[in-house]
Protein backbone atom coordinates (compact mmCIF):
# COMPACT_ATOMS: atom_id res chain seq x y z
CA MET A 1 42.58 149.12 129.56
CA LEU A 2 42.08 145.65 131.14
CA GLU A 3 42.94 144.07 128.10
CA TRP A 4 46.31 145.90 127.33
CA LEU A 5 46.90 145.02 131.68
CA SER A 6 46.34 141.35 130.86
CA PHE A 7 48.35 141.39 128.60
CA ALA A 8 51.14 142.96 130.02
CA LEU A 9 51.28 140.79 133.13
CA ALA A 10 51.59 137.93 130.57
CA GLY A 11 54.43 139.20 129.40
CA VAL A 12 55.60 139.43 133.32
CA VAL A 13 55.27 135.91 134.01
CA ALA A 14 56.79 134.81 130.90
CA GLY A 15 59.44 137.15 130.77
CA LEU A 16 60.28 136.18 134.16
CA ALA A 17 60.08 131.91 133.32
CA ALA A 18 62.23 133.16 130.60
CA GLY A 19 64.95 134.41 132.28
CA LEU A 20 64.71 132.14 135.42
CA PHE A 21 64.49 128.92 133.93
CA GLY A 22 66.47 130.07 130.15
CA ILE A 23 63.29 128.86 128.29
CA GLY A 24 62.50 130.59 125.46
CA GLY A 25 59.31 131.05 127.02
CA GLY A 26 56.58 129.53 124.44
CA LEU A 27 56.00 126.77 126.83
CA ILE A 28 54.76 128.94 129.42
CA ILE A 29 53.12 132.01 126.73
CA VAL A 30 50.61 129.05 125.37
CA PRO A 31 49.13 127.92 129.07
CA ILE A 32 48.97 131.84 129.71
CA LEU A 33 47.52 133.07 126.70
CA VAL A 34 44.94 130.49 126.50
CA THR A 35 43.96 131.57 130.11
CA VAL A 36 43.46 135.34 129.35
CA PHE A 37 41.96 134.80 126.03
CA SER A 38 39.10 132.40 127.97
CA TRP A 39 38.43 135.16 130.47
CA GLN A 40 37.73 137.81 127.47
CA GLY A 41 35.62 135.44 126.08
CA MET A 42 37.18 134.39 122.81
CA SER A 43 36.30 131.28 121.10
CA ALA A 44 37.47 127.71 122.99
CA GLU A 45 37.32 126.56 119.38
CA ILE A 46 40.18 129.17 118.57
CA ALA A 47 41.82 130.25 121.68
CA ILE A 48 44.56 127.42 121.53
CA HIS A 49 45.14 128.35 117.95
CA VAL A 50 45.92 131.88 118.69
CA ALA A 51 47.79 132.00 121.33
CA ILE A 52 49.82 129.82 119.73
CA GLY A 53 50.19 131.43 116.80
CA THR A 54 50.95 134.85 118.88
CA SER A 55 53.42 132.77 121.13
CA LEU A 56 55.49 132.03 117.79
CA MET A 57 55.41 135.81 116.72
CA THR A 58 56.68 136.78 120.34
CA ILE A 59 59.51 134.59 119.44
CA THR A 60 60.59 136.33 116.13
CA VAL A 61 61.19 139.23 118.35
CA THR A 62 62.86 137.34 121.31
CA SER A 63 64.70 134.85 118.85
CA LEU A 64 66.70 137.93 117.06
CA SER A 65 67.84 138.87 120.35
CA SER A 66 69.07 136.03 122.00
CA MET A 67 70.54 135.07 118.10
CA ARG A 68 72.69 138.49 118.48
CA ALA A 69 73.84 137.71 121.85
CA HIS A 70 75.38 134.02 120.96
CA HIS A 71 76.63 135.29 117.84
CA ARG A 72 78.50 138.29 119.71
CA TYR A 73 80.64 135.31 122.25
CA GLY A 74 81.12 133.03 119.16
CA MET A 75 78.88 130.17 120.17
CA THR A 76 76.54 130.01 116.89
CA GLN A 77 77.64 127.20 114.64
CA TRP A 78 76.06 129.34 111.01
CA GLN A 79 77.10 125.94 108.79
CA LEU A 80 75.12 124.17 110.70
CA VAL A 81 72.10 126.90 110.77
CA GLY A 82 72.75 126.66 107.07
CA ARG A 83 71.74 122.99 107.29
CA LEU A 84 68.58 122.93 109.73
CA THR A 85 67.50 125.79 108.32
CA PRO A 86 65.32 124.65 105.26
CA GLY A 87 64.11 121.90 107.29
CA LEU A 88 63.05 124.24 109.90
CA ILE A 89 61.27 126.68 107.28
CA ILE A 90 58.62 123.85 105.53
CA GLY A 91 58.18 121.68 108.79
CA SER A 92 57.05 124.78 110.74
CA LEU A 93 54.90 125.92 107.65
CA GLY A 94 53.17 122.60 107.32
CA GLY A 95 53.35 122.14 111.24
CA ALA A 96 51.25 125.26 111.32
CA VAL A 97 48.79 124.30 108.60
CA ILE A 98 48.36 121.03 110.67
CA ALA A 99 47.54 122.53 114.10
CA ALA A 100 45.32 125.45 112.06
CA SER A 101 43.55 122.27 110.67
CA LEU A 102 42.90 120.52 114.64
CA SER A 103 40.29 120.86 116.70
CA SER A 104 40.87 122.86 119.71
CA ALA A 105 40.88 120.01 121.85
CA LEU A 106 42.82 117.48 120.30
CA LEU A 107 45.17 120.50 119.64
CA GLN A 108 45.10 121.35 123.19
CA THR A 109 45.73 117.40 123.87
CA ILE A 110 49.17 117.24 122.18
CA PHE A 111 50.28 120.11 124.11
CA ALA A 112 49.44 118.73 127.30
CA LEU A 113 51.26 115.59 126.12
CA PHE A 114 54.61 117.85 124.85
CA ALA A 115 54.86 119.19 128.24
CA ILE A 116 53.82 116.42 130.31
CA LEU A 117 57.42 114.85 128.11
CA MET A 118 59.35 117.51 128.62
CA SER A 119 58.62 117.61 132.24
CA GLY A 120 59.95 114.20 132.15
CA ARG A 121 62.79 114.42 130.34
CA MET A 122 64.40 117.43 132.53
CA TRP A 123 64.68 114.20 135.02
CA LEU A 124 66.69 112.02 132.82
CA PRO A 125 70.76 111.82 132.42
CA PRO A 126 71.82 114.95 129.66
CA PRO A 127 72.43 113.34 126.53
CA GLN A 128 75.98 112.24 125.72
CA ALA A 129 77.91 112.38 122.44
CA LEU A 130 76.52 109.18 119.99
CA SER A 131 78.30 110.27 116.39
CA PRO A 132 79.14 113.49 114.40
CA ARG A 133 77.67 111.87 111.62
CA LEU A 134 74.30 112.96 112.70
CA LEU A 135 75.86 116.17 111.21
CA THR A 136 75.31 115.67 107.46
CA LYS A 137 73.03 117.64 105.50
CA LEU A 138 70.74 114.76 104.96
CA LEU A 139 69.73 113.76 108.78
CA MET A 140 70.08 117.26 109.53
CA GLY A 141 67.63 118.19 106.87
CA VAL A 142 65.38 115.33 107.76
CA TYR A 143 65.71 116.33 111.42
CA GLY A 144 65.12 119.62 110.67
CA ALA A 145 61.71 119.03 109.36
CA VAL A 146 60.59 117.36 111.98
CA THR A 147 61.38 120.09 114.70
CA GLY A 148 59.84 122.35 112.39
CA VAL A 149 56.54 120.71 112.44
CA VAL A 150 56.73 120.04 116.52
CA SER A 151 57.81 123.74 116.86
CA ALA A 152 54.75 125.31 115.18
CA MET A 153 52.34 122.97 116.28
CA VAL A 154 53.13 123.48 120.56
CA GLY A 155 54.24 127.23 119.46
CA ILE A 156 57.97 127.13 120.68
CA GLY A 157 60.99 128.42 119.25
CA GLY A 158 62.85 124.47 118.76
CA GLY A 159 65.73 124.80 121.16
CA THR A 160 64.02 122.06 123.74
CA LEU A 161 64.51 119.58 120.56
CA VAL A 162 68.01 121.08 118.41
CA VAL A 163 70.03 121.59 121.59
CA PRO A 164 69.94 117.16 122.74
CA TYR A 165 70.32 116.30 119.01
CA LEU A 166 73.59 118.68 118.56
CA VAL A 167 74.91 117.46 121.86
CA MET A 168 74.86 114.15 120.51
CA ALA A 169 76.72 115.00 117.36
CA GLY A 170 79.71 115.76 119.36
CA GLN A 171 79.06 119.72 119.70
CA SER A 172 79.78 121.22 123.03
CA MET A 173 76.65 122.40 125.12
CA GLN A 174 77.15 125.89 125.16
CA LYS A 175 77.60 125.88 120.87
CA ALA A 176 74.47 123.64 120.75
CA VAL A 177 72.62 126.40 122.85
CA GLY A 178 74.00 129.48 120.84
CA THR A 179 73.16 127.46 117.52
CA ALA A 180 69.54 126.55 117.94
CA ALA A 181 69.00 129.90 119.37
CA ALA A 182 69.65 130.86 115.56
CA CYS A 183 67.24 128.16 114.67
CA GLY A 184 64.37 130.13 116.34
CA PHE A 185 63.89 132.59 113.99
CA PRO A 186 63.41 130.68 111.07
CA ILE A 187 60.96 128.01 113.09
CA ALA A 188 58.60 131.25 114.43
CA ALA A 189 58.84 133.32 110.99
CA SER A 190 57.91 130.38 108.67
CA GLY A 191 55.07 129.37 111.40
CA VAL A 192 53.38 132.88 111.74
CA VAL A 193 53.06 133.01 107.70
CA GLY A 194 51.31 129.57 108.47
CA PHE A 195 48.84 130.98 110.91
CA ILE A 196 48.05 133.86 109.38
CA TRP A 197 47.39 132.22 106.41
CA MET A 198 45.06 129.21 107.46
CA GLY A 199 43.47 131.72 109.96
CA THR A 200 42.65 134.46 106.89
CA GLN A 201 42.29 132.20 104.18
CA VAL A 202 40.96 129.16 105.63
CA HIS A 203 39.32 129.89 108.40
CA GLN A 204 38.60 133.30 107.40
CA ILE A 205 39.09 135.18 110.95
CA HIS A 206 38.16 138.26 111.41
CA ALA A 207 38.48 140.14 114.97
CA ASP A 208 39.95 143.16 116.53
CA TRP A 209 43.42 143.01 116.46
CA GLN A 210 43.86 139.39 115.37
CA THR A 211 45.22 138.44 111.69
CA GLY A 212 44.22 135.20 111.44
CA PHE A 213 45.43 133.19 114.29
CA ILE A 214 47.80 136.60 115.57
CA HIS A 215 46.70 138.38 118.12
CA TRP A 216 48.40 141.66 117.66
CA GLN A 217 47.39 143.48 121.20
CA ALA A 218 48.34 140.54 122.88
CA PHE A 219 52.20 140.56 121.01
CA ILE A 220 52.77 143.81 121.78
CA GLY A 221 51.69 143.93 125.18
CA ILE A 222 53.97 140.51 126.40
CA ILE A 223 56.72 141.76 124.39
CA ALA A 224 56.83 145.31 126.28
CA THR A 225 57.07 143.48 129.39
CA SER A 226 58.83 140.30 129.27
CA ILE A 227 61.86 142.31 127.49
CA PHE A 228 62.32 143.88 131.06
CA MET A 229 61.83 140.65 132.39
CA ALA A 230 64.20 138.33 131.57
CA PRO A 231 67.10 140.43 132.37
CA LEU A 232 65.53 140.12 136.28
CA GLY A 233 64.34 136.12 136.16
CA ALA A 234 67.97 135.84 134.69
CA ARG A 235 69.90 137.74 137.76
CA LEU A 236 66.97 135.48 140.15
CA ALA A 237 68.39 132.53 138.68
CA ARG A 238 71.89 133.04 140.04
CA GLY A 239 70.66 132.39 143.41
CA LEU A 240 69.67 128.70 142.71
CA SER A 241 71.55 125.70 141.49
CA HIS A 242 71.39 124.10 137.94
CA ARG A 243 69.46 121.41 139.02
CA LYS A 244 66.70 122.99 140.96
CA LEU A 245 65.92 125.32 138.62
CA SER A 246 65.65 121.91 135.98
CA GLN A 247 63.08 120.60 138.73
CA LEU A 248 61.56 123.57 139.39
CA PHE A 249 60.70 123.97 135.35
CA SER A 250 59.80 120.48 135.28
CA LEU A 251 57.25 120.38 137.91
CA LEU A 252 55.76 123.47 136.36
CA LEU A 253 55.59 122.03 132.93
CA LEU A 254 54.04 119.06 134.57
CA ALA A 255 51.77 121.11 136.57
CA VAL A 256 50.67 123.10 133.02
CA GLY A 257 50.23 119.60 130.99
CA LEU A 258 48.36 118.17 133.73
CA ILE A 259 45.65 120.92 133.69
CA LEU A 260 45.65 121.75 129.85
CA LEU A 261 44.95 118.01 129.87
CA SER A 262 41.88 117.55 132.20
CA ARG A 263 40.27 120.89 130.23
CA SER A 264 40.71 119.00 126.61
């Protein structure tokens, strides 16, 4: 019962953060799960791997809801999604294989540095339109692959990487966000396949509630509460300016990154 409660509470925090800061939750879910898994006695050698794999599993569900909402408002550029998707799938599968092959300390360091990098980026001016040539099939395919690798290695849906690229390619922020939302599912689904395969076939991990590097109890607990808390976070966000929210989230990411870096 205590395990269910801990994962449900993790979902509460992740859902509130997702609604409050407008993020997919991966950068919040992973450090929370690492902490909860350590409390439960999971081996430190696989805790970060299971946290990232499980985070991607939650994104397979949340991304569908987000995708549906943006499509309803006509903000999803499906042609661009189609150009990105092959690279996203291949890159995410490769990223999961790479992540599962790394030591816990190295993978945790990579996640921490990524969180710190994202924290710093939030203090920079928003991206500006550069050239529509960035929307060619070749460039989008390559960028999709890079995005897939990075996203799978840190357990995110890829929006933090796809949105700036599309804005620099001349897309409006609304359409960039709507298009990026549709990219979360192929990234997450492909990454989950990689983490399951590596966990079961290569590392031969067999434990209660686990299939490779996916922890189903954590997945169910997080999804069960986060879907209800995200709307509450969104309502709370209405009372704060976008700039203040970005600054608060950047400080949160910085703290998470520094804490994980000190433990790796």
